Amino acid sequence: MNLDIIKKVIAFCAVGIWLILLFKIFQAGGDMQEQLPKCIFTTIITFSILTLLFKGIEYIEKRVLTRRLSESSNNIVVKI
């Protein structure tokens, strides 16, 4: 089971959402003192969620792979 395409789509969406949020923060106005905490918070939250999703996908991949390996090893018949 190859989930690389799903990872790429999720990453593309996360970066897109992050850029949209940053653009909205900059459009809201204010000086850099007001915008900086919002930008940092947005960046941390966006990429934390992205990391969480990637780790979840990798966990699922690992479970499926170990399940397939255990099933295939149970079906091996050795003739002596």
PDB file of N, CA and C in Angstrom:
ATOM      1  N   MET A   1       0.850  -1.178   0.000  1.00  0.00           N
ATOM      2  CA  MET A   1       0.000   0.000   0.000  1.00  0.00           C
ATOM      3  C   MET A   1       0.894   1.239   0.000  1.00  0.00           C
ATOM      4  N   ASN A   2       0.806   1.997  -1.052  1.00  0.00           N
ATOM      5  CA  ASN A   2       1.652   3.172  -1.190  1.00  0.00           C
ATOM      6  C   ASN A   2       0.812   4.429  -0.970  1.00  0.00           C
ATOM      7  N   LEU A   3       1.128   5.148   0.068  1.00  0.00           N
ATOM      8  CA  LEU A   3       0.361   6.340   0.421  1.00  0.00           C
ATOM      9  C   LEU A   3       1.138   7.630   0.161  1.00  0.00           C
ATOM     10  N   ASP A   4       2.162   7.563  -0.687  1.00  0.00           N
ATOM     11  CA  ASP A   4       2.964   8.753  -0.969  1.00  0.00           C
ATOM     12  C   ASP A   4       2.146   9.846  -1.647  1.00  0.00           C
ATOM     13  N   ILE A   5       1.226   9.463  -2.512  1.00  0.00           N
ATOM     14  CA  ILE A   5       0.400  10.458  -3.200  1.00  0.00           C
ATOM     15  C   ILE A   5      -0.477  11.198  -2.190  1.00  0.00           C
ATOM     16  N   ILE A   6      -1.024  10.458  -1.241  1.00  0.00           N
ATOM     17  CA  ILE A   6      -1.858  11.090  -0.209  1.00  0.00           C
ATOM     18  C   ILE A   6      -1.020  12.051   0.624  1.00  0.00           C
ATOM     19  N   LYS A   7       0.216  11.660   0.950  1.00  0.00           N
ATOM     20  CA  LYS A   7       1.105  12.546   1.708  1.00  0.00           C
ATOM     21  C   LYS A   7       1.378  13.828   0.937  1.00  0.00           C
ATOM     22  N   LYS A   8       1.616  13.710  -0.367  1.00  0.00           N
ATOM     23  CA  LYS A   8       1.906  14.895  -1.180  1.00  0.00           C
ATOM     24  C   LYS A   8       0.699  15.822  -1.260  1.00  0.00           C
ATOM     25  N   VAL A   9      -0.486  15.245  -1.404  1.00  0.00           N
ATOM     26  CA  VAL A   9      -1.703  16.057  -1.473  1.00  0.00           C
ATOM     27  C   VAL A   9      -1.935  16.774  -0.145  1.00  0.00           C
ATOM     28  N   ILE A  10      -1.750  16.057   0.959  1.00  0.00           N
ATOM     29  CA  ILE A  10      -1.925  16.666   2.282  1.00  0.00           C
ATOM     30  C   ILE A  10      -0.915  17.796   2.486  1.00  0.00           C
ATOM     31  N   ALA A  11       0.336  17.570   2.088  1.00  0.00           N
ATOM     32  CA  ALA A  11       1.365  18.605   2.233  1.00  0.00           C
ATOM     33  C   ALA A  11       1.033  19.825   1.380  1.00  0.00           C
ATOM     34  N   PHE A  12       0.588  19.602   0.156  1.00  0.00           N
ATOM     35  CA  PHE A  12       0.226  20.707  -0.732  1.00  0.00           C
ATOM     36  C   PHE A  12      -0.928  21.511  -0.138  1.00  0.00           C
ATOM     37  N   CYS A  13      -1.938  20.823   0.373  1.00  0.00           N
ATOM     38  CA  CYS A  13      -3.082  21.507   0.988  1.00  0.00           C
ATOM     39  C   CYS A  13      -2.659  22.285   2.234  1.00  0.00           C
ATOM     40  N   ALA A  14      -1.792  21.686   3.048  1.00  0.00           N
ATOM     41  CA  ALA A  14      -1.344  22.357   4.276  1.00  0.00           C
ATOM     42  C   ALA A  14      -0.579  23.635   3.956  1.00  0.00           C
ATOM     43  N   VAL A  15       0.314  23.566   2.983  1.00  0.00           N
ATOM     44  CA  VAL A  15       1.077  24.762   2.607  1.00  0.00           C
ATOM     45  C   VAL A  15       0.144  25.811   2.016  1.00  0.00           C
ATOM     46  N   GLY A  16      -0.823  25.387   1.222  1.00  0.00           N
ATOM     47  CA  GLY A  16      -1.795  26.326   0.661  1.00  0.00           C
ATOM     48  C   GLY A  16      -2.611  27.023   1.737  1.00  0.00           C
ATOM     49  N   ILE A  17      -3.103  26.251   2.696  1.00  0.00           N
ATOM     50  CA  ILE A  17      -3.873  26.830   3.806  1.00  0.00           C
ATOM     51  C   ILE A  17      -3.008  27.782   4.618  1.00  0.00           C
ATOM     52  N   TRP A  18      -1.757  27.384   4.858  1.00  0.00           N
ATOM     53  CA  TRP A  18      -0.829  28.227   5.614  1.00  0.00           C
ATOM     54  C   TRP A  18      -0.599  29.559   4.900  1.00  0.00           C
ATOM     55  N   LEU A  19      -0.385  29.507   3.584  1.00  0.00           N
ATOM     56  CA  LEU A  19      -0.159  30.746   2.829  1.00  0.00           C
ATOM     57  C   LEU A  19      -1.400  31.637   2.831  1.00  0.00           C
ATOM     58  N   ILE A  20      -2.571  31.041   2.711  1.00  0.00           N
ATOM     59  CA  ILE A  20      -3.814  31.823   2.753  1.00  0.00           C
ATOM     60  C   ILE A  20      -3.966  32.509   4.110  1.00  0.00           C
ATOM     61  N   LEU A  21      -3.697  31.763   5.188  1.00  0.00           N
ATOM     62  CA  LEU A  21      -3.805  32.355   6.527  1.00  0.00           C
ATOM     63  C   LEU A  21      -2.802  33.488   6.724  1.00  0.00           C
ATOM     64  N   LEU A  22      -1.570  33.291   6.253  1.00  0.00           N
ATOM     65  CA  LEU A  22      -0.579  34.370   6.365  1.00  0.00           C
ATOM     66  C   LEU A  22      -1.004  35.594   5.566  1.00  0.00           C
ATOM     67  N   PHE A  23      -1.545  35.376   4.378  1.00  0.00           N
ATOM     68  CA  PHE A  23      -2.010  36.483   3.552  1.00  0.00           C
ATOM     69  C   PHE A  23      -3.118  37.254   4.268  1.00  0.00           C
ATOM     70  N   LYS A  24      -4.052  36.530   4.900  1.00  0.00           N
ATOM     71  CA  LYS A  24      -5.138  37.194   5.630  1.00  0.00           C
ATOM     72  C   LYS A  24      -4.607  37.977   6.835  1.00  0.00           C
ATOM     73  N   ILE A  25      -3.593  37.428   7.498  1.00  0.00           N
ATOM     74  CA  ILE A  25      -2.997  38.139   8.633  1.00  0.00           C
ATOM     75  C   ILE A  25      -2.357  39.438   8.159  1.00  0.00           C
ATOM     76  N   PHE A  26      -1.642  39.375   7.036  1.00  0.00           N
ATOM     77  CA  PHE A  26      -0.991  40.581   6.517  1.00  0.00           C
ATOM     78  C   PHE A  26      -2.011  41.593   6.004  1.00  0.00           C
ATOM     79  N   GLN A  27      -3.129  41.124   5.465  1.00  0.00           N
ATOM     80  CA  GLN A  27      -4.165  42.023   4.972  1.00  0.00           C
ATOM     81  C   GLN A  27      -4.915  42.717   6.106  1.00  0.00           C
ATOM     82  N   ALA A  28      -4.919  42.094   7.286  1.00  0.00           N
ATOM     83  CA  ALA A  28      -5.647  42.670   8.419  1.00  0.00           C
ATOM     84  C   ALA A  28      -5.024  43.980   8.889  1.00  0.00           C
ATOM     85  N   GLY A  29      -3.778  44.181   8.552  1.00  0.00           N
ATOM     86  CA  GLY A  29      -3.122  45.419   8.932  1.00  0.00           C
ATOM     87  C   GLY A  29      -2.477  45.329  10.298  1.00  0.00           C
ATOM     88  N   GLY A  30      -1.973  46.436  10.732  1.00  0.00           N
ATOM     89  CA  GLY A  30      -1.273  46.469  12.012  1.00  0.00           C
ATOM     90  C   GLY A  30       0.227  46.423  11.787  1.00  0.00           C
ATOM     91  N   ASP A  31       0.938  46.714  12.858  1.00  0.00           N
ATOM     92  CA  ASP A  31       2.394  46.698  12.731  1.00  0.00           C
ATOM     93  C   ASP A  31       2.918  45.273  12.937  1.00  0.00           C
ATOM     94  N   MET A  32       4.201  45.123  12.764  1.00  0.00           N
ATOM     95  CA  MET A  32       4.813  43.799  12.831  1.00  0.00           C
ATOM     96  C   MET A  32       4.710  43.198  14.228  1.00  0.00           C
ATOM     97  N   GLN A  33       4.664  44.038  15.256  1.00  0.00           N
ATOM     98  CA  GLN A  33       4.527  43.550  16.633  1.00  0.00           C
ATOM     99  C   GLN A  33       3.215  42.779  16.821  1.00  0.00           C
ATOM    100  N   GLU A  34       2.168  43.199  16.137  1.00  0.00           N
ATOM    101  CA  GLU A  34       0.874  42.525  16.242  1.00  0.00           C
ATOM    102  C   GLU A  34       0.792  41.298  15.340  1.00  0.00           C
ATOM    103  N   GLN A  35       1.418  41.367  14.191  1.00  0.00           N
ATOM    104  CA  GLN A  35       1.312  40.289  13.215  1.00  0.00           C
ATOM    105  C   GLN A  35       2.220  39.106  13.531  1.00  0.00           C
ATOM    106  N   LEU A  36       3.362  39.361  14.123  1.00  0.00           N
ATOM    107  CA  LEU A  36       4.349  38.303  14.349  1.00  0.00           C
ATOM    108  C   LEU A  36       3.816  37.144  15.187  1.00  0.00           C
ATOM    109  N   PRO A  37       3.164  37.376  16.337  1.00  0.00           N
ATOM    110  CA  PRO A  37       2.647  36.231  17.103  1.00  0.00           C
ATOM    111  C   PRO A  37       1.614  35.413  16.328  1.00  0.00           C
ATOM    112  N   LYS A  38       0.788  36.090  15.547  1.00  0.00           N
ATOM    113  CA  LYS A  38      -0.211  35.376  14.749  1.00  0.00           C
ATOM    114  C   LYS A  38       0.456  34.515  13.682  1.00  0.00           C
ATOM    115  N   CYS A  39       1.490  35.052  13.051  1.00  0.00           N
ATOM    116  CA  CYS A  39       2.211  34.292  12.022  1.00  0.00           C
ATOM    117  C   CYS A  39       2.903  33.075  12.624  1.00  0.00           C
ATOM    118  N   ILE A  40       3.536  33.264  13.763  1.00  0.00           N
ATOM    119  CA  ILE A  40       4.229  32.151  14.419  1.00  0.00           C
ATOM    120  C   ILE A  40       3.221  31.086  14.844  1.00  0.00           C
ATOM    121  N   PHE A  41       2.118  31.504  15.449  1.00  0.00           N
ATOM    122  CA  PHE A  41       1.090  30.553  15.887  1.00  0.00           C
ATOM    123  C   PHE A  41       0.521  29.775  14.700  1.00  0.00           C
ATOM    124  N   THR A  42       0.220  30.480  13.617  1.00  0.00           N
ATOM    125  CA  THR A  42      -0.316  29.832  12.422  1.00  0.00           C
ATOM    126  C   THR A  42       0.663  28.815  11.862  1.00  0.00           C
ATOM    127  N   THR A  43       1.936  29.176  11.815  1.00  0.00           N
ATOM    128  CA  THR A  43       2.957  28.267  11.296  1.00  0.00           C
ATOM    129  C   THR A  43       3.083  27.026  12.172  1.00  0.00           C
ATOM    130  N   ILE A  44       3.133  27.218  13.466  1.00  0.00           N
ATOM    131  CA  ILE A  44       3.288  26.082  14.386  1.00  0.00           C
ATOM    132  C   ILE A  44       2.090  25.143  14.291  1.00  0.00           C
ATOM    133  N   ILE A  45       0.893  25.681  14.320  1.00  0.00           N
ATOM    134  CA  ILE A  45      -0.309  24.843  14.275  1.00  0.00           C
ATOM    135  C   ILE A  45      -0.415  24.105  12.940  1.00  0.00           C
ATOM    136  N   THR A  46      -0.208  24.810  11.836  1.00  0.00           N
ATOM    137  CA  THR A  46      -0.342  24.190  10.515  1.00  0.00           C
ATOM    138  C   THR A  46       0.626  23.034  10.348  1.00  0.00           C
ATOM    139  N   PHE A  47       1.888  23.249  10.677  1.00  0.00           N
ATOM    140  CA  PHE A  47       2.876  22.202  10.439  1.00  0.00           C
ATOM    141  C   PHE A  47       2.865  21.133  11.534  1.00  0.00           C
ATOM    142  N   SER A  48       2.308  21.440  12.690  1.00  0.00           N
ATOM    143  CA  SER A  48       2.098  20.390  13.696  1.00  0.00           C
ATOM    144  C   SER A  48       1.020  19.419  13.231  1.00  0.00           C
ATOM    145  N   ILE A  49      -0.046  19.955  12.681  1.00  0.00           N
ATOM    146  CA  ILE A  49      -1.105  19.093  12.148  1.00  0.00           C
ATOM    147  C   ILE A  49      -0.585  18.282  10.970  1.00  0.00           C
ATOM    148  N   LEU A  50       0.214  18.904  10.108  1.00  0.00           N
ATOM    149  CA  LEU A  50       0.803  18.181   8.977  1.00  0.00           C
ATOM    150  C   LEU A  50       1.690  17.039   9.462  1.00  0.00           C
ATOM    151  N   THR A  51       2.511  17.297  10.463  1.00  0.00           N
ATOM    152  CA  THR A  51       3.375  16.252  11.021  1.00  0.00           C
ATOM    153  C   THR A  51       2.545  15.137  11.634  1.00  0.00           C
ATOM    154  N   LEU A  52       1.492  15.494  12.348  1.00  0.00           N
ATOM    155  CA  LEU A  52       0.604  14.495  12.941  1.00  0.00           C
ATOM    156  C   LEU A  52      -0.017  13.606  11.868  1.00  0.00           C
ATOM    157  N   LEU A  53      -0.481  14.201  10.787  1.00  0.00           N
ATOM    158  CA  LEU A  53      -1.069  13.416   9.704  1.00  0.00           C
ATOM    159  C   LEU A  53      -0.038  12.500   9.053  1.00  0.00           C
ATOM    160  N   PHE A  54       1.182  13.012   8.831  1.00  0.00           N
ATOM    161  CA  PHE A  54       2.240  12.187   8.237  1.00  0.00           C
ATOM    162  C   PHE A  54       2.574  11.007   9.139  1.00  0.00           C
ATOM    163  N   LYS A  55       2.699  11.250  10.439  1.00  0.00           N
ATOM    164  CA  LYS A  55       3.007  10.157  11.372  1.00  0.00           C
ATOM    165  C   LYS A  55       1.875   9.130  11.396  1.00  0.00           C
ATOM    166  N   GLY A  56       0.644   9.585  11.313  1.00  0.00           N
ATOM    167  CA  GLY A  56      -0.486   8.664  11.263  1.00  0.00           C
ATOM    168  C   GLY A  56      -0.466   7.801  10.015  1.00  0.00           C
ATOM    169  N   ILE A  57      -0.158   8.406   8.879  1.00  0.00           N
ATOM    170  CA  ILE A  57      -0.072   7.645   7.630  1.00  0.00           C
ATOM    171  C   ILE A  57       1.067   6.641   7.694  1.00  0.00           C
ATOM    172  N   GLU A  58       2.213   7.052   8.234  1.00  0.00           N
ATOM    173  CA  GLU A  58       3.344   6.125   8.361  1.00  0.00           C
ATOM    174  C   GLU A  58       3.007   4.977   9.311  1.00  0.00           C
ATOM    175  N   TYR A  59       2.260   5.258  10.368  1.00  0.00           N
ATOM    176  CA  TYR A  59       1.840   4.210  11.301  1.00  0.00           C
ATOM    177  C   TYR A  59       0.927   3.204  10.599  1.00  0.00           C
ATOM    178  N   ILE A  60      -0.011   3.720   9.815  1.00  0.00           N
ATOM    179  CA  ILE A  60      -0.915   2.839   9.074  1.00  0.00           C
ATOM    180  C   ILE A  60      -0.134   1.995   8.073  1.00  0.00           C
ATOM    181  N   GLU A  61       0.813   2.621   7.365  1.00  0.00           N
ATOM    182  CA  GLU A  61       1.638   1.870   6.411  1.00  0.00           C
ATOM    183  C   GLU A  61       2.394   0.743   7.107  1.00  0.00           C
ATOM    184  N   LYS A  62       2.967   1.044   8.261  1.00  0.00           N
ATOM    185  CA  LYS A  62       3.739   0.040   8.991  1.00  0.00           C
ATOM    186  C   LYS A  62       2.846  -1.111   9.449  1.00  0.00           C
ATOM    187  N   ARG A  63       1.661  -0.804   9.951  1.00  0.00           N
ATOM    188  CA  ARG A  63       0.747  -1.866  10.409  1.00  0.00           C
ATOM    189  C   ARG A  63       0.297  -2.744   9.257  1.00  0.00           C
ATOM    190  N   VAL A  64      -0.013  -2.129   8.122  1.00  0.00           N
ATOM    191  CA  VAL A  64      -0.447  -2.910   6.962  1.00  0.00           C
ATOM    192  C   VAL A  64       0.696  -3.783   6.467  1.00  0.00           C
ATOM    193  N   LEU A  65       1.907  -3.239   6.431  1.00  0.00           N
ATOM    194  CA  LEU A  65       3.062  -4.002   5.963  1.00  0.00           C
ATOM    195  C   LEU A  65       3.357  -5.176   6.885  1.00  0.00           C
ATOM    196  N   THR A  66       3.330  -4.962   8.199  1.00  0.00           N
ATOM    197  CA  THR A  66       3.611  -6.068   9.121  1.00  0.00           C
ATOM    198  C   THR A  66       2.499  -7.109   9.070  1.00  0.00           C
ATOM    199  N   ARG A  67       1.276  -6.680   8.866  1.00  0.00           N
ATOM    200  CA  ARG A  67       0.165  -7.633   8.753  1.00  0.00           C
ATOM    201  C   ARG A  67       0.332  -8.479   7.495  1.00  0.00           C
ATOM    202  N   ARG A  68       0.710  -7.839   6.383  1.00  0.00           N
ATOM    203  CA  ARG A  68       0.913  -8.596   5.143  1.00  0.00           C
ATOM    204  C   ARG A  68       2.080  -9.559   5.270  1.00  0.00           C
ATOM    205  N   LEU A  69       3.148  -9.120   5.930  1.00  0.00           N
ATOM    206  CA  LEU A  69       4.299 -10.002   6.108  1.00  0.00           C
ATOM    207  C   LEU A  69       3.951 -11.191   6.989  1.00  0.00           C
ATOM    208  N   SER A  70       3.184 -10.959   8.045  1.00  0.00           N
ATOM    209  CA  SER A  70       2.819 -12.072   8.927  1.00  0.00           C
ATOM    210  C   SER A  70       1.868 -13.035   8.224  1.00  0.00           C
ATOM    211  N   GLU A  71       0.974 -12.511   7.403  1.00  0.00           N
ATOM    212  CA  GLU A  71       0.073 -13.387   6.651  1.00  0.00           C
ATOM    213  C   GLU A  71       0.838 -14.205   5.621  1.00  0.00           C
ATOM    214  N   SER A  72       1.802 -13.576   4.951  1.00  0.00           N
ATOM    215  CA  SER A  72       2.563 -14.308   3.938  1.00  0.00           C
ATOM    216  C   SER A  72       3.489 -15.334   4.581  1.00  0.00           C
ATOM    217  N   SER A  73       4.008 -15.061   5.769  1.00  0.00           N
ATOM    218  CA  SER A  73       4.884 -16.032   6.430  1.00  0.00           C
ATOM    219  C   SER A  73       4.082 -17.216   6.962  1.00  0.00           C
ATOM    220  N   ASN A  74       2.808 -17.012   7.267  1.00  0.00           N
ATOM    221  CA  ASN A  74       1.960 -18.118   7.720  1.00  0.00           C
ATOM    222  C   ASN A  74       1.594 -19.050   6.573  1.00  0.00           C
ATOM    223  N   ASN A  75       1.629 -18.552   5.353  1.00  0.00           N
ATOM    224  CA  ASN A  75       1.236 -19.348   4.199  1.00  0.00           C
ATOM    225  C   ASN A  75       2.409 -20.089   3.562  1.00  0.00           C
ATOM    226  N   ILE A  76       3.600 -19.893   4.054  1.00  0.00           N
ATOM    227  CA  ILE A  76       4.774 -20.545   3.478  1.00  0.00           C
ATOM    228  C   ILE A  76       4.822 -21.993   3.956  1.00  0.00           C
ATOM    229  N   VAL A  77       4.936 -22.884   3.004  1.00  0.00           N
ATOM    230  CA  VAL A  77       5.032 -24.306   3.321  1.00  0.00           C
ATOM    231  C   VAL A  77       6.419 -24.767   2.916  1.00  0.00           C
ATOM    232  N   VAL A  78       7.108 -25.356   3.855  1.00  0.00           N
ATOM    233  CA  VAL A  78       8.464 -25.840   3.591  1.00  0.00           C
ATOM    234  C   VAL A  78       8.404 -27.349   3.425  1.00  0.00           C
ATOM    235  N   LYS A  79       8.863 -27.825   2.273  1.00  0.00           N
ATOM    236  CA  LYS A  79       8.901 -29.267   2.023  1.00  0.00           C
ATOM    237  C   LYS A  79      10.316 -29.759   2.256  1.00  0.00           C
ATOM    238  N   ILE A  80      10.417 -30.817   3.003  1.00  0.00           N
ATOM    239  CA  ILE A  80      11.740 -31.381   3.293  1.00  0.00           C
ATOM    240  C   ILE A  80      11.860 -32.728   2.622  1.00  0.00           C
TER     241      ILE A  80
END
